[in-house]
Structures are given as structure tokens and as C-alpha cells.
Amino acid sequence: MSEENVKNPMDLNGDGKVTLGEKVQYGVGKAQGKVEKAIGDIADDAKEAYGKAKEKGKEYYDVAKEKGKVYYDAAKEKAKDVYEDVAEDAKEAYAEAKEKGKEYIDKGKAKIQELKDKA
């Protein structure tokens, strides 16, 4: 059986010896790789969560927009009804004031005529 010369991955400078510094540096490199993978996984999860939240937000916005339109239309209709009621009341008040004004004018004319007749 032949013995193969297998390089130890922790032998970073390739001198055949693994020092404490190389072990630490190798461990840091491995940890860095795991941290980078974890950060990538977190970023992917965050993107997915953002996509879901964005979609839910759009759904809620669409519902709120539709409800807002319903309330707006109802308020518009109510305002139209109130306007029509007020307009009708104003017409009646105008007609009544016009009639009263005519009565006062007629009374005034009659009083003037009465005073002229006495003079």
C-alpha cells in the first residue's frame, strides 16, 4: 500500500507543519464561510418576508381603497340629499319672504294712498 502525501487543509502556507496560528486562521475562515452563508440565508428569508408583506399590504390597500370608495359614494349621496333638502327649504323661504315683502309693499302703498287721500 502506497502512502499518499495528503495536504492538510489547515496547513495554509504549505510547509507541512500546522501551527496554532494556522489552526486559528483556518477556523476563522470556516466560521466566516458559515457566517456568510447564514447572512445569505437571512437575506433570502428577509426578501421572502418582504415579498409576502408587500403582497399583503397591496391586498389591504385594495380593500381599504374599495371601502373608501363605498364610503365616499355614500357621503356624496347623503350630501346630495342634504343639498336638495336645503335647496327646497331655501326656495320655500324665498317664496314666503317674497310673499311677505309683497304684502308689506301693498300695505305701504295703501298707507301712502290713505295719507294722500286725507291730505
N, C-alpha and C. Protein backbone atom coordinates (compact mmCIF):
# COMPACT_ATOMS: atom_id res chain seq x y z
N MET A 1 0.84 -1.16 0.00
CA MET A 1 0.00 0.00 0.00
C MET A 1 0.89 1.23 0.00
N SER A 2 0.62 2.11 -0.94
CA SER A 2 1.46 3.30 -1.03
C SER A 2 0.86 4.41 -0.23
N GLU A 3 1.72 5.14 0.38
CA GLU A 3 1.27 6.24 1.23
C GLU A 3 1.24 7.50 0.39
N GLU A 4 0.06 8.07 0.31
CA GLU A 4 -0.07 9.30 -0.47
C GLU A 4 0.19 10.48 0.43
N ASN A 5 0.77 11.48 -0.16
CA ASN A 5 1.06 12.69 0.59
C ASN A 5 -0.16 13.59 0.49
N VAL A 6 -1.03 13.53 1.49
CA VAL A 6 -2.25 14.31 1.51
C VAL A 6 -1.98 15.60 2.27
N LYS A 7 -2.31 16.70 1.63
CA LYS A 7 -2.07 18.01 2.25
C LYS A 7 -3.16 18.28 3.28
N ASN A 8 -2.78 18.71 4.43
CA ASN A 8 -3.71 19.09 5.49
C ASN A 8 -4.28 20.47 5.14
N PRO A 9 -5.61 20.60 5.10
CA PRO A 9 -6.19 21.89 4.71
C PRO A 9 -5.85 23.02 5.69
N MET A 10 -5.46 22.65 6.89
CA MET A 10 -5.10 23.69 7.85
C MET A 10 -3.68 24.20 7.63
N ASP A 11 -2.89 23.49 6.82
CA ASP A 11 -1.52 23.93 6.52
C ASP A 11 -1.60 25.00 5.45
N LEU A 12 -1.86 26.21 5.88
CA LEU A 12 -2.14 27.32 4.96
C LEU A 12 -0.92 27.77 4.17
N ASN A 13 0.27 27.63 4.72
CA ASN A 13 1.46 28.08 3.98
C ASN A 13 2.16 26.93 3.25
N GLY A 14 1.61 25.70 3.40
CA GLY A 14 2.13 24.55 2.65
C GLY A 14 3.49 24.06 3.08
N ASP A 15 3.92 24.34 4.31
CA ASP A 15 5.25 23.91 4.76
C ASP A 15 5.23 22.53 5.41
N GLY A 16 4.09 21.88 5.46
CA GLY A 16 3.99 20.57 6.05
C GLY A 16 3.74 20.60 7.54
N LYS A 17 3.76 21.73 8.15
CA LYS A 17 3.51 21.86 9.57
C LYS A 17 2.26 22.72 9.78
N VAL A 18 1.45 22.38 10.77
CA VAL A 18 0.25 23.15 11.09
C VAL A 18 0.50 23.82 12.44
N THR A 19 0.61 25.14 12.38
CA THR A 19 0.86 25.90 13.61
C THR A 19 -0.46 26.31 14.23
N LEU A 20 -0.38 26.76 15.48
CA LEU A 20 -1.58 27.26 16.16
C LEU A 20 -2.18 28.43 15.39
N GLY A 21 -1.36 29.30 14.87
CA GLY A 21 -1.83 30.43 14.08
C GLY A 21 -2.59 29.98 12.86
N GLU A 22 -2.08 28.92 12.19
CA GLU A 22 -2.76 28.40 11.00
C GLU A 22 -4.10 27.76 11.39
N LYS A 23 -4.12 27.06 12.54
CA LYS A 23 -5.37 26.47 13.01
C LYS A 23 -6.42 27.55 13.28
N VAL A 24 -5.98 28.61 13.94
CA VAL A 24 -6.89 29.72 14.25
C VAL A 24 -7.37 30.37 12.96
N GLN A 25 -6.42 30.64 12.05
CA GLN A 25 -6.78 31.29 10.79
C GLN A 25 -7.73 30.40 9.98
N TYR A 26 -7.47 29.08 9.97
CA TYR A 26 -8.34 28.14 9.27
C TYR A 26 -9.75 28.15 9.90
N GLY A 27 -9.79 28.12 11.23
CA GLY A 27 -11.08 28.15 11.94
C GLY A 27 -11.84 29.43 11.65
N VAL A 28 -11.13 30.55 11.61
CA VAL A 28 -11.78 31.83 11.30
C VAL A 28 -12.33 31.80 9.88
N GLY A 29 -11.58 31.24 8.95
CA GLY A 29 -12.05 31.14 7.57
C GLY A 29 -13.31 30.30 7.46
N LYS A 30 -13.31 29.14 8.18
CA LYS A 30 -14.50 28.29 8.17
C LYS A 30 -15.69 29.02 8.79
N ALA A 31 -15.44 29.68 9.93
CA ALA A 31 -16.51 30.43 10.60
C ALA A 31 -17.03 31.54 9.70
N GLN A 32 -16.12 32.20 9.01
CA GLN A 32 -16.52 33.29 8.12
C GLN A 32 -17.43 32.75 7.01
N GLY A 33 -17.08 31.60 6.48
CA GLY A 33 -17.93 30.98 5.45
C GLY A 33 -19.32 30.67 5.97
N LYS A 34 -19.38 30.15 7.21
CA LYS A 34 -20.68 29.83 7.81
C LYS A 34 -21.47 31.10 8.10
N VAL A 35 -20.77 32.14 8.56
CA VAL A 35 -21.44 33.42 8.83
C VAL A 35 -21.99 34.00 7.53
N GLU A 36 -21.18 33.95 6.48
CA GLU A 36 -21.63 34.48 5.18
C GLU A 36 -22.84 33.70 4.67
N LYS A 37 -22.83 32.37 4.86
CA LYS A 37 -23.99 31.57 4.43
C LYS A 37 -25.21 31.95 5.26
N ALA A 38 -25.02 32.11 6.58
CA ALA A 38 -26.14 32.48 7.45
C ALA A 38 -26.69 33.85 7.05
N ILE A 39 -25.81 34.79 6.76
CA ILE A 39 -26.25 36.12 6.33
C ILE A 39 -27.02 36.02 5.02
N GLY A 40 -26.53 35.19 4.10
CA GLY A 40 -27.24 34.99 2.83
C GLY A 40 -28.62 34.39 3.05
N ASP A 41 -28.67 33.39 3.97
CA ASP A 41 -29.97 32.77 4.28
C ASP A 41 -30.92 33.79 4.89
N ILE A 42 -30.40 34.61 5.81
CA ILE A 42 -31.23 35.65 6.44
C ILE A 42 -31.72 36.65 5.39
N ALA A 43 -30.81 37.03 4.49
CA ALA A 43 -31.20 37.97 3.44
C ALA A 43 -32.29 37.36 2.55
N ASP A 44 -32.12 36.07 2.22
CA ASP A 44 -33.15 35.41 1.40
C ASP A 44 -34.49 35.36 2.14
N ASP A 45 -34.43 35.02 3.44
CA ASP A 45 -35.66 35.00 4.24
C ASP A 45 -36.29 36.39 4.31
N ALA A 46 -35.44 37.40 4.46
CA ALA A 46 -35.95 38.78 4.54
C ALA A 46 -36.61 39.18 3.23
N LYS A 47 -36.00 38.79 2.12
CA LYS A 47 -36.59 39.11 0.81
C LYS A 47 -37.95 38.43 0.67
N GLU A 48 -38.00 37.17 1.09
CA GLU A 48 -39.26 36.43 1.01
C GLU A 48 -40.33 37.06 1.91
N ALA A 49 -39.92 37.42 3.14
CA ALA A 49 -40.86 38.06 4.07
C ALA A 49 -41.32 39.40 3.52
N TYR A 50 -40.39 40.16 2.93
CA TYR A 50 -40.75 41.45 2.33
C TYR A 50 -41.76 41.24 1.20
N GLY A 51 -41.52 40.24 0.36
CA GLY A 51 -42.44 39.96 -0.74
C GLY A 51 -43.84 39.63 -0.24
N LYS A 52 -43.89 38.79 0.83
CA LYS A 52 -45.19 38.43 1.39
C LYS A 52 -45.87 39.65 2.02
N ALA A 53 -45.08 40.44 2.76
CA ALA A 53 -45.64 41.63 3.40
C ALA A 53 -46.11 42.63 2.35
N LYS A 54 -45.35 42.76 1.29
CA LYS A 54 -45.73 43.69 0.21
C LYS A 54 -47.05 43.24 -0.42
N GLU A 55 -47.18 41.95 -0.64
CA GLU A 55 -48.41 41.42 -1.24
C GLU A 55 -49.60 41.63 -0.30
N LYS A 56 -49.40 41.34 1.00
CA LYS A 56 -50.48 41.56 1.98
C LYS A 56 -50.83 43.04 2.04
N GLY A 57 -49.80 43.89 2.03
CA GLY A 57 -50.04 45.33 2.06
C GLY A 57 -50.86 45.77 0.87
N LYS A 58 -50.56 45.22 -0.30
CA LYS A 58 -51.33 45.56 -1.50
C LYS A 58 -52.78 45.11 -1.35
N GLU A 59 -52.97 43.90 -0.79
CA GLU A 59 -54.33 43.41 -0.57
C GLU A 59 -55.10 44.35 0.37
N TYR A 60 -54.45 44.72 1.48
CA TYR A 60 -55.10 45.62 2.45
C TYR A 60 -55.38 46.98 1.83
N TYR A 61 -54.43 47.46 1.02
CA TYR A 61 -54.62 48.75 0.34
C TYR A 61 -55.82 48.67 -0.59
N ASP A 62 -55.91 47.59 -1.36
CA ASP A 62 -57.03 47.43 -2.30
C ASP A 62 -58.37 47.39 -1.55
N VAL A 63 -58.40 46.66 -0.43
CA VAL A 63 -59.63 46.58 0.37
C VAL A 63 -59.98 47.97 0.92
N ALA A 64 -58.98 48.66 1.48
CA ALA A 64 -59.21 49.99 2.04
C ALA A 64 -59.66 50.96 0.95
N LYS A 65 -59.05 50.85 -0.21
CA LYS A 65 -59.42 51.72 -1.33
C LYS A 65 -60.88 51.49 -1.72
N GLU A 66 -61.28 50.23 -1.79
CA GLU A 66 -62.65 49.90 -2.16
C GLU A 66 -63.64 50.38 -1.09
N LYS A 67 -63.29 50.14 0.18
CA LYS A 67 -64.17 50.62 1.27
C LYS A 67 -64.24 52.14 1.26
N GLY A 68 -63.11 52.79 1.02
CA GLY A 68 -63.10 54.24 0.94
C GLY A 68 -64.01 54.75 -0.16
N LYS A 69 -64.00 54.06 -1.29
CA LYS A 69 -64.87 54.45 -2.41
C LYS A 69 -66.35 54.31 -2.02
N VAL A 70 -66.65 53.20 -1.33
CA VAL A 70 -68.04 52.97 -0.89
C VAL A 70 -68.47 54.09 0.06
N TYR A 71 -67.61 54.41 1.04
CA TYR A 71 -67.94 55.48 1.99
C TYR A 71 -68.02 56.84 1.30
N TYR A 72 -67.13 57.08 0.35
CA TYR A 72 -67.15 58.33 -0.40
C TYR A 72 -68.46 58.45 -1.17
N ASP A 73 -68.84 57.37 -1.86
CA ASP A 73 -70.09 57.40 -2.64
C ASP A 73 -71.30 57.63 -1.72
N ALA A 74 -71.30 56.97 -0.55
CA ALA A 74 -72.40 57.14 0.39
C ALA A 74 -72.45 58.58 0.91
N ALA A 75 -71.29 59.13 1.23
CA ALA A 75 -71.24 60.51 1.72
C ALA A 75 -71.67 61.49 0.62
N LYS A 76 -71.25 61.20 -0.59
CA LYS A 76 -71.63 62.05 -1.73
C LYS A 76 -73.15 62.03 -1.91
N GLU A 77 -73.74 60.84 -1.82
CA GLU A 77 -75.19 60.71 -1.97
C GLU A 77 -75.92 61.44 -0.84
N LYS A 78 -75.40 61.27 0.39
CA LYS A 78 -76.01 61.95 1.54
C LYS A 78 -75.90 63.46 1.37
N ALA A 79 -74.75 63.93 0.92
CA ALA A 79 -74.57 65.37 0.70
C ALA A 79 -75.54 65.88 -0.37
N LYS A 80 -75.76 65.07 -1.39
CA LYS A 80 -76.70 65.44 -2.45
C LYS A 80 -78.11 65.56 -1.87
N ASP A 81 -78.49 64.58 -1.03
CA ASP A 81 -79.82 64.61 -0.40
C ASP A 81 -79.96 65.85 0.48
N VAL A 82 -78.93 66.13 1.29
CA VAL A 82 -78.97 67.30 2.18
C VAL A 82 -79.05 68.57 1.34
N TYR A 83 -78.26 68.64 0.27
CA TYR A 83 -78.28 69.81 -0.60
C TYR A 83 -79.69 70.01 -1.18
N GLU A 84 -80.29 68.92 -1.64
CA GLU A 84 -81.63 69.04 -2.22
C GLU A 84 -82.65 69.50 -1.17
N ASP A 85 -82.54 68.98 0.07
CA ASP A 85 -83.43 69.41 1.14
C ASP A 85 -83.24 70.89 1.46
N VAL A 86 -81.97 71.30 1.56
CA VAL A 86 -81.68 72.70 1.87
C VAL A 86 -82.13 73.60 0.73
N ALA A 87 -81.92 73.16 -0.50
CA ALA A 87 -82.35 73.96 -1.65
C ALA A 87 -83.87 74.11 -1.65
N GLU A 88 -84.57 73.04 -1.33
CA GLU A 88 -86.03 73.10 -1.28
C GLU A 88 -86.49 74.05 -0.17
N ASP A 89 -85.82 73.92 1.01
CA ASP A 89 -86.15 74.82 2.12
C ASP A 89 -85.87 76.27 1.74
N ALA A 90 -84.78 76.50 1.03
CA ALA A 90 -84.43 77.86 0.62
C ALA A 90 -85.45 78.40 -0.37
N LYS A 91 -85.91 77.56 -1.28
CA LYS A 91 -86.94 78.00 -2.23
C LYS A 91 -88.22 78.39 -1.50
N GLU A 92 -88.61 77.57 -0.53
CA GLU A 92 -89.81 77.86 0.24
C GLU A 92 -89.64 79.14 1.04
N ALA A 93 -88.49 79.31 1.67
CA ALA A 93 -88.24 80.52 2.46
C ALA A 93 -88.24 81.75 1.55
N TYR A 94 -87.66 81.63 0.35
CA TYR A 94 -87.64 82.74 -0.60
C TYR A 94 -89.07 83.10 -1.02
N ALA A 95 -89.86 82.07 -1.34
CA ALA A 95 -91.25 82.32 -1.77
C ALA A 95 -92.04 82.98 -0.64
N GLU A 96 -91.82 82.50 0.59
CA GLU A 96 -92.52 83.08 1.73
C GLU A 96 -92.08 84.53 1.96
N ALA A 97 -90.79 84.79 1.86
CA ALA A 97 -90.27 86.15 2.05
C ALA A 97 -90.78 87.06 0.94
N LYS A 98 -90.84 86.53 -0.27
CA LYS A 98 -91.34 87.32 -1.40
C LYS A 98 -92.80 87.70 -1.16
N GLU A 99 -93.57 86.74 -0.70
CA GLU A 99 -94.99 86.99 -0.43
C GLU A 99 -95.15 88.02 0.69
N LYS A 100 -94.37 87.84 1.79
CA LYS A 100 -94.44 88.79 2.90
C LYS A 100 -94.00 90.18 2.43
N GLY A 101 -92.96 90.21 1.62
CA GLY A 101 -92.49 91.50 1.10
C GLY A 101 -93.56 92.17 0.26
N LYS A 102 -94.25 91.38 -0.55
CA LYS A 102 -95.32 91.93 -1.39
C LYS A 102 -96.45 92.48 -0.51
N GLU A 103 -96.76 91.73 0.57
CA GLU A 103 -97.80 92.20 1.49
C GLU A 103 -97.39 93.54 2.12
N TYR A 104 -96.13 93.63 2.58
CA TYR A 104 -95.66 94.88 3.19
C TYR A 104 -95.67 96.04 2.18
N ILE A 105 -95.28 95.72 0.95
CA ILE A 105 -95.30 96.77 -0.09
C ILE A 105 -96.74 97.22 -0.34
N ASP A 106 -97.65 96.24 -0.45
CA ASP A 106 -99.06 96.58 -0.67
C ASP A 106 -99.61 97.39 0.51
N LYS A 107 -99.27 97.01 1.74
CA LYS A 107 -99.71 97.75 2.92
C LYS A 107 -99.12 99.16 2.90
N GLY A 108 -97.84 99.24 2.52
CA GLY A 108 -97.19 100.55 2.44
C GLY A 108 -97.85 101.43 1.40
N LYS A 109 -98.15 100.86 0.23
CA LYS A 109 -98.83 101.62 -0.82
C LYS A 109 -100.21 102.07 -0.33
N ALA A 110 -100.91 101.17 0.34
CA ALA A 110 -102.24 101.51 0.85
C ALA A 110 -102.14 102.62 1.88
N LYS A 111 -101.16 102.56 2.74
CA LYS A 111 -100.98 103.58 3.77
C LYS A 111 -100.65 104.92 3.12
N ILE A 112 -99.77 104.87 2.09
CA ILE A 112 -99.42 106.10 1.37
C ILE A 112 -100.67 106.68 0.71
N GLN A 113 -101.46 105.82 0.09
CA GLN A 113 -102.69 106.29 -0.57
C GLN A 113 -103.65 106.86 0.45
N GLU A 114 -103.73 106.20 1.61
CA GLU A 114 -104.60 106.68 2.68
C GLU A 114 -104.17 108.08 3.14
N LEU A 115 -102.87 108.26 3.29
CA LEU A 115 -102.35 109.56 3.71
C LEU A 115 -102.58 110.61 2.63
N LYS A 116 -102.45 110.19 1.37
CA LYS A 116 -102.70 111.14 0.27
C LYS A 116 -104.17 111.54 0.26
N ASP A 117 -105.03 110.55 0.49
CA ASP A 117 -106.46 110.83 0.47
C ASP A 117 -106.85 111.77 1.62
N LYS A 118 -106.21 111.71 2.74
CA LYS A 118 -106.50 112.55 3.86
C LYS A 118 -105.94 113.97 3.65
N ALA A 119 -104.95 114.07 2.84
CA ALA A 119 -104.30 115.35 2.69
C ALA A 119 -105.05 116.30 1.81
